[in-house]
Amino acid sequence: MGGALRTRLRREQERRERSRIEGGLSRAVFRGFTEADGTPPWFVAETVRFRRMSTQPDHSTTEQCPEAVGAWVEELVEQGGFTGTVLVHVGFDGHAWLRCDRSRPGWARAVRDALGRWDLALLSSDGELLLVVSEEEYECVAFASTEAGRERRRAGKAS
């Protein structure tokens, strides 16, 4: 299969997936998709760091109830200092982020239901705060980072 055909097929699959996600979220939560060029450069490095076995999560819960996990995620976002809308990484070409209104209780559960998983990478609308939630076998874990914190860690390694 040629590269151009693969690209067309992937774009069509992503278009259908975007439509499905959009249809699964209420207008109270869904605020549209955001272009991939809004992804901060430090995002990839931090998500790679979070995947290392040696990186300890900043938060965890053994809750299994979707409502309780959603409330936990919303609390972490609030405590983390997120303001305005929250960007949820979906990774589509050209539409990497789902913009969500976090002002209504239950928004995190709605996003989880639309995406079909608790593995979420949440970015503040100013691109400076990151919260990555991952569903493990018996718990959900969360990793938090800031652009400033990443720069401090990098400066500490260079010394």
C-alpha atoms as a PDB file:
ATOM      1  CA  MET A   1       0.000   0.000   0.000  1.00  0.00           C
ATOM      2  CA  GLY A   2       1.420   3.384  -0.998  1.00  0.00           C
ATOM      3  CA  GLY A   3       2.165   6.158   1.471  1.00  0.00           C
ATOM      4  CA  ALA A   4      -0.486   8.457   0.027  1.00  0.00           C
ATOM      5  CA  LEU A   5      -3.169   5.795   0.378  1.00  0.00           C
ATOM      6  CA  ARG A   6      -2.108   5.029   3.969  1.00  0.00           C
ATOM      7  CA  THR A   7      -2.294   8.732   4.771  1.00  0.00           C
ATOM      8  CA  ARG A   8      -5.784   9.047   3.260  1.00  0.00           C
ATOM      9  CA  LEU A   9      -6.994   5.980   5.166  1.00  0.00           C
ATOM     10  CA  ARG A  10      -5.532   7.247   8.454  1.00  0.00           C
ATOM     11  CA  ARG A  11      -7.119  10.679   7.943  1.00  0.00           C
ATOM     12  CA  GLU A  12     -10.492   9.112   7.211  1.00  0.00           C
ATOM     13  CA  GLN A  13     -10.229   6.910  10.312  1.00  0.00           C
ATOM     14  CA  GLU A  14      -9.291   9.966  12.409  1.00  0.00           C
ATOM     15  CA  ARG A  15     -12.191  11.951  10.929  1.00  0.00           C
ATOM     16  CA  ARG A  16     -14.617   9.196  11.969  1.00  0.00           C
ATOM     17  CA  GLU A  17     -13.037   9.000  15.434  1.00  0.00           C
ATOM     18  CA  ARG A  18     -13.240  12.803  15.886  1.00  0.00           C
ATOM     19  CA  SER A  19     -16.894  12.671  14.882  1.00  0.00           C
ATOM     20  CA  ARG A  20     -17.556   9.822  17.337  1.00  0.00           C
ATOM     21  CA  ILE A  21     -15.825  11.672  20.189  1.00  0.00           C
ATOM     22  CA  GLU A  22     -17.631  14.912  19.414  1.00  0.00           C
ATOM     23  CA  GLY A  23     -20.957  13.070  19.321  1.00  0.00           C
ATOM     24  CA  GLY A  24     -20.185  11.436  22.672  1.00  0.00           C
ATOM     25  CA  LEU A  25     -19.623  14.714  24.498  1.00  0.00           C
ATOM     26  CA  SER A  26     -22.227  17.279  25.427  1.00  0.00           C
ATOM     27  CA  ARG A  27     -21.889  20.868  24.236  1.00  0.00           C
ATOM     28  CA  ALA A  28     -21.457  21.779  27.910  1.00  0.00           C
ATOM     29  CA  VAL A  29     -18.092  19.955  27.918  1.00  0.00           C
ATOM     30  CA  PHE A  30     -16.890  19.866  24.299  1.00  0.00           C
ATOM     31  CA  ARG A  31     -15.293  23.075  23.028  1.00  0.00           C
ATOM     32  CA  GLY A  32     -13.752  21.727  19.826  1.00  0.00           C
ATOM     33  CA  PHE A  33     -10.455  20.318  18.667  1.00  0.00           C
ATOM     34  CA  THR A  34      -7.176  22.241  18.713  1.00  0.00           C
ATOM     35  CA  GLU A  35      -4.386  22.002  16.178  1.00  0.00           C
ATOM     36  CA  ALA A  36      -1.287  19.912  16.824  1.00  0.00           C
ATOM     37  CA  ASP A  37       0.987  22.944  16.507  1.00  0.00           C
ATOM     38  CA  GLY A  38      -0.277  24.013  19.952  1.00  0.00           C
ATOM     39  CA  THR A  39       1.599  21.113  21.570  1.00  0.00           C
ATOM     40  CA  PRO A  40       4.360  22.464  23.818  1.00  0.00           C
ATOM     41  CA  PRO A  41       7.834  21.071  23.030  1.00  0.00           C
ATOM     42  CA  TRP A  42       8.285  19.697  26.544  1.00  0.00           C
ATOM     43  CA  PHE A  43       5.084  17.596  26.412  1.00  0.00           C
ATOM     44  CA  VAL A  44       6.656  14.589  24.653  1.00  0.00           C
ATOM     45  CA  ALA A  45       9.711  14.481  26.917  1.00  0.00           C
ATOM     46  CA  GLU A  46       7.552  14.526  30.043  1.00  0.00           C
ATOM     47  CA  THR A  47       5.166  11.821  28.841  1.00  0.00           C
ATOM     48  CA  VAL A  48       8.173   9.636  27.999  1.00  0.00           C
ATOM     49  CA  ARG A  49       9.561  10.256  31.518  1.00  0.00           C
ATOM     50  CA  PHE A  50       6.229   9.261  33.052  1.00  0.00           C
ATOM     51  CA  ARG A  51       6.321   5.902  31.244  1.00  0.00           C
ATOM     52  CA  ARG A  52       9.607   4.861  32.850  1.00  0.00           C
ATOM     53  CA  MET A  53       9.220   2.268  35.578  1.00  0.00           C
ATOM     54  CA  SER A  54      11.537   4.335  37.805  1.00  0.00           C
ATOM     55  CA  THR A  55       9.209   7.361  37.755  1.00  0.00           C
ATOM     56  CA  GLN A  56       6.936   7.309  40.781  1.00  0.00           C
ATOM     57  CA  PRO A  57       3.429   8.691  40.319  1.00  0.00           C
ATOM     58  CA  ASP A  58       2.517  11.894  42.123  1.00  0.00           C
ATOM     59  CA  HIS A  59      -0.986  10.623  42.933  1.00  0.00           C
ATOM     60  CA  SER A  60      -2.881   7.338  42.939  1.00  0.00           C
ATOM     61  CA  THR A  61      -6.298   5.949  43.767  1.00  0.00           C
ATOM     62  CA  THR A  62      -7.634   2.437  44.058  1.00  0.00           C
ATOM     63  CA  GLU A  63     -11.150   3.641  43.222  1.00  0.00           C
ATOM     64  CA  GLN A  64     -12.755   1.652  40.426  1.00  0.00           C
ATOM     65  CA  CYS A  65     -16.093   3.458  40.163  1.00  0.00           C
ATOM     66  CA  PRO A  66     -16.005   5.723  37.084  1.00  0.00           C
ATOM     67  CA  GLU A  67     -17.760   8.562  38.933  1.00  0.00           C
ATOM     68  CA  ALA A  68     -15.224   8.421  41.782  1.00  0.00           C
ATOM     69  CA  VAL A  69     -12.240   8.302  39.425  1.00  0.00           C
ATOM     70  CA  GLY A  70     -13.697  11.196  37.445  1.00  0.00           C
ATOM     71  CA  ALA A  71     -14.130  13.246  40.631  1.00  0.00           C
ATOM     72  CA  TRP A  72     -10.525  12.379  41.596  1.00  0.00           C
ATOM     73  CA  VAL A  73      -9.223  13.594  38.210  1.00  0.00           C
ATOM     74  CA  GLU A  74     -11.255  16.795  38.508  1.00  0.00           C
ATOM     75  CA  GLU A  75      -9.853  17.381  41.999  1.00  0.00           C
ATOM     76  CA  LEU A  76      -6.267  16.888  40.733  1.00  0.00           C
ATOM     77  CA  VAL A  77      -6.892  19.376  37.926  1.00  0.00           C
ATOM     78  CA  GLU A  78      -8.289  21.895  40.398  1.00  0.00           C
ATOM     79  CA  GLN A  79      -5.451  21.377  42.897  1.00  0.00           C
ATOM     80  CA  GLY A  80      -2.898  21.561  40.090  1.00  0.00           C
ATOM     81  CA  GLY A  81      -3.885  25.123  39.284  1.00  0.00           C
ATOM     82  CA  PHE A  82      -5.547  24.570  35.905  1.00  0.00           C
ATOM     83  CA  THR A  83      -7.736  27.490  34.879  1.00  0.00           C
ATOM     84  CA  GLY A  84     -10.055  27.951  31.930  1.00  0.00           C
ATOM     85  CA  THR A  85     -10.445  25.061  29.558  1.00  0.00           C
ATOM     86  CA  VAL A  86      -8.476  21.816  29.697  1.00  0.00           C
ATOM     87  CA  LEU A  87      -6.823  20.307  26.654  1.00  0.00           C
ATOM     88  CA  VAL A  88      -7.012  16.512  26.379  1.00  0.00           C
ATOM     89  CA  HIS A  89      -4.461  14.859  24.105  1.00  0.00           C
ATOM     90  CA  VAL A  90      -6.038  12.716  21.395  1.00  0.00           C
ATOM     91  CA  GLY A  91      -3.083  12.715  19.004  1.00  0.00           C
ATOM     92  CA  PHE A  92      -4.827  13.130  15.670  1.00  0.00           C
ATOM     93  CA  ASP A  93      -2.875  14.657  12.796  1.00  0.00           C
ATOM     94  CA  GLY A  94      -3.691  18.329  12.803  1.00  0.00           C
ATOM     95  CA  HIS A  95      -6.161  17.966  15.695  1.00  0.00           C
ATOM     96  CA  ALA A  96      -4.050  16.722  18.579  1.00  0.00           C
ATOM     97  CA  TRP A  97      -6.101  18.210  21.421  1.00  0.00           C
ATOM     98  CA  LEU A  98      -9.707  18.100  22.564  1.00  0.00           C
ATOM     99  CA  ARG A  99     -10.689  21.346  24.308  1.00  0.00           C
ATOM    100  CA  CYS A 100     -12.968  20.779  27.316  1.00  0.00           C
ATOM    101  CA  ASP A 101     -14.834  23.063  29.686  1.00  0.00           C
ATOM    102  CA  ARG A 102     -13.899  21.945  33.183  1.00  0.00           C
ATOM    103  CA  SER A 103     -16.421  24.141  35.003  1.00  0.00           C
ATOM    104  CA  ARG A 104     -19.142  21.486  35.288  1.00  0.00           C
ATOM    105  CA  PRO A 105     -18.810  18.539  37.672  1.00  0.00           C
ATOM    106  CA  GLY A 106     -18.607  15.285  35.741  1.00  0.00           C
ATOM    107  CA  TRP A 107     -16.578  16.613  32.798  1.00  0.00           C
ATOM    108  CA  ALA A 108     -13.711  14.137  33.370  1.00  0.00           C
ATOM    109  CA  ARG A 109     -16.067  11.147  33.390  1.00  0.00           C
ATOM    110  CA  ALA A 110     -17.714  12.450  30.196  1.00  0.00           C
ATOM    111  CA  VAL A 111     -14.307  12.704  28.491  1.00  0.00           C
ATOM    112  CA  ARG A 112     -13.379   9.217  29.686  1.00  0.00           C
ATOM    113  CA  ASP A 113     -16.624   7.803  28.340  1.00  0.00           C
ATOM    114  CA  ALA A 114     -16.130   9.526  24.978  1.00  0.00           C
ATOM    115  CA  LEU A 115     -12.521   8.299  24.663  1.00  0.00           C
ATOM    116  CA  GLY A 116     -13.207   4.862  26.162  1.00  0.00           C
ATOM    117  CA  ARG A 117     -10.278   4.911  28.597  1.00  0.00           C
ATOM    118  CA  TRP A 118      -8.842   6.606  31.681  1.00  0.00           C
ATOM    119  CA  ASP A 119      -5.423   7.092  30.060  1.00  0.00           C
ATOM    120  CA  LEU A 120      -5.547  10.865  29.703  1.00  0.00           C
ATOM    121  CA  ALA A 121      -2.948  13.559  29.123  1.00  0.00           C
ATOM    122  CA  LEU A 122      -4.403  16.869  30.282  1.00  0.00           C
ATOM    123  CA  LEU A 123      -2.728  20.167  29.474  1.00  0.00           C
ATOM    124  CA  SER A 124      -3.655  23.594  30.798  1.00  0.00           C
ATOM    125  CA  SER A 125      -4.900  26.030  28.183  1.00  0.00           C
ATOM    126  CA  ASP A 126      -1.741  28.130  28.643  1.00  0.00           C
ATOM    127  CA  GLY A 127       0.425  25.043  27.941  1.00  0.00           C
ATOM    128  CA  GLU A 128       2.297  25.225  31.250  1.00  0.00           C
ATOM    129  CA  LEU A 129       0.657  22.490  33.369  1.00  0.00           C
ATOM    130  CA  LEU A 130       0.444  18.795  32.548  1.00  0.00           C
ATOM    131  CA  LEU A 131      -1.417  15.975  34.288  1.00  0.00           C
ATOM    132  CA  VAL A 132      -1.174  12.455  32.892  1.00  0.00           C
ATOM    133  CA  VAL A 133      -3.591   9.850  34.252  1.00  0.00           C
ATOM    134  CA  SER A 134      -3.025   6.183  33.565  1.00  0.00           C
ATOM    135  CA  GLU A 135      -5.231   3.242  34.371  1.00  0.00           C
ATOM    136  CA  GLU A 136      -3.183   0.422  35.879  1.00  0.00           C
ATOM    137  CA  GLU A 137      -4.354  -3.067  36.811  1.00  0.00           C
ATOM    138  CA  TYR A 138      -5.703  -2.234  40.281  1.00  0.00           C
ATOM    139  CA  GLU A 139      -5.385   1.539  40.460  1.00  0.00           C
ATOM    140  CA  CYS A 140      -5.241   4.780  38.562  1.00  0.00           C
ATOM    141  CA  VAL A 141      -2.047   6.796  38.826  1.00  0.00           C
ATOM    142  CA  ALA A 142      -1.354  10.399  37.921  1.00  0.00           C
ATOM    143  CA  PHE A 143       1.811  12.287  37.086  1.00  0.00           C
ATOM    144  CA  ALA A 144       1.960  16.064  37.307  1.00  0.00           C
ATOM    145  CA  SER A 145       4.458  18.398  35.719  1.00  0.00           C
ATOM    146  CA  THR A 146       4.997  21.995  34.782  1.00  0.00           C
ATOM    147  CA  GLU A 147       7.163  23.529  32.129  1.00  0.00           C
ATOM    148  CA  ALA A 148       9.072  25.385  34.868  1.00  0.00           C
ATOM    149  CA  GLY A 149       9.594  22.139  36.827  1.00  0.00           C
ATOM    150  CA  ARG A 150      10.967  20.408  33.758  1.00  0.00           C
ATOM    151  CA  GLU A 151      13.418  23.262  33.186  1.00  0.00           C
ATOM    152  CA  ARG A 152      14.581  23.050  36.844  1.00  0.00           C
ATOM    153  CA  ARG A 153      15.171  19.275  36.502  1.00  0.00           C
ATOM    154  CA  ARG A 154      17.129  19.827  33.282  1.00  0.00           C
ATOM    155  CA  ALA A 155      19.233  22.575  34.893  1.00  0.00           C
ATOM    156  CA  GLY A 156      19.929  20.306  37.887  1.00  0.00           C
ATOM    157  CA  LYS A 157      21.217  17.522  35.604  1.00  0.00           C
ATOM    158  CA  ALA A 158      23.466  19.942  33.723  1.00  0.00           C
ATOM    159  CA  SER A 159      25.208  21.078  36.926  1.00  0.00           C
END
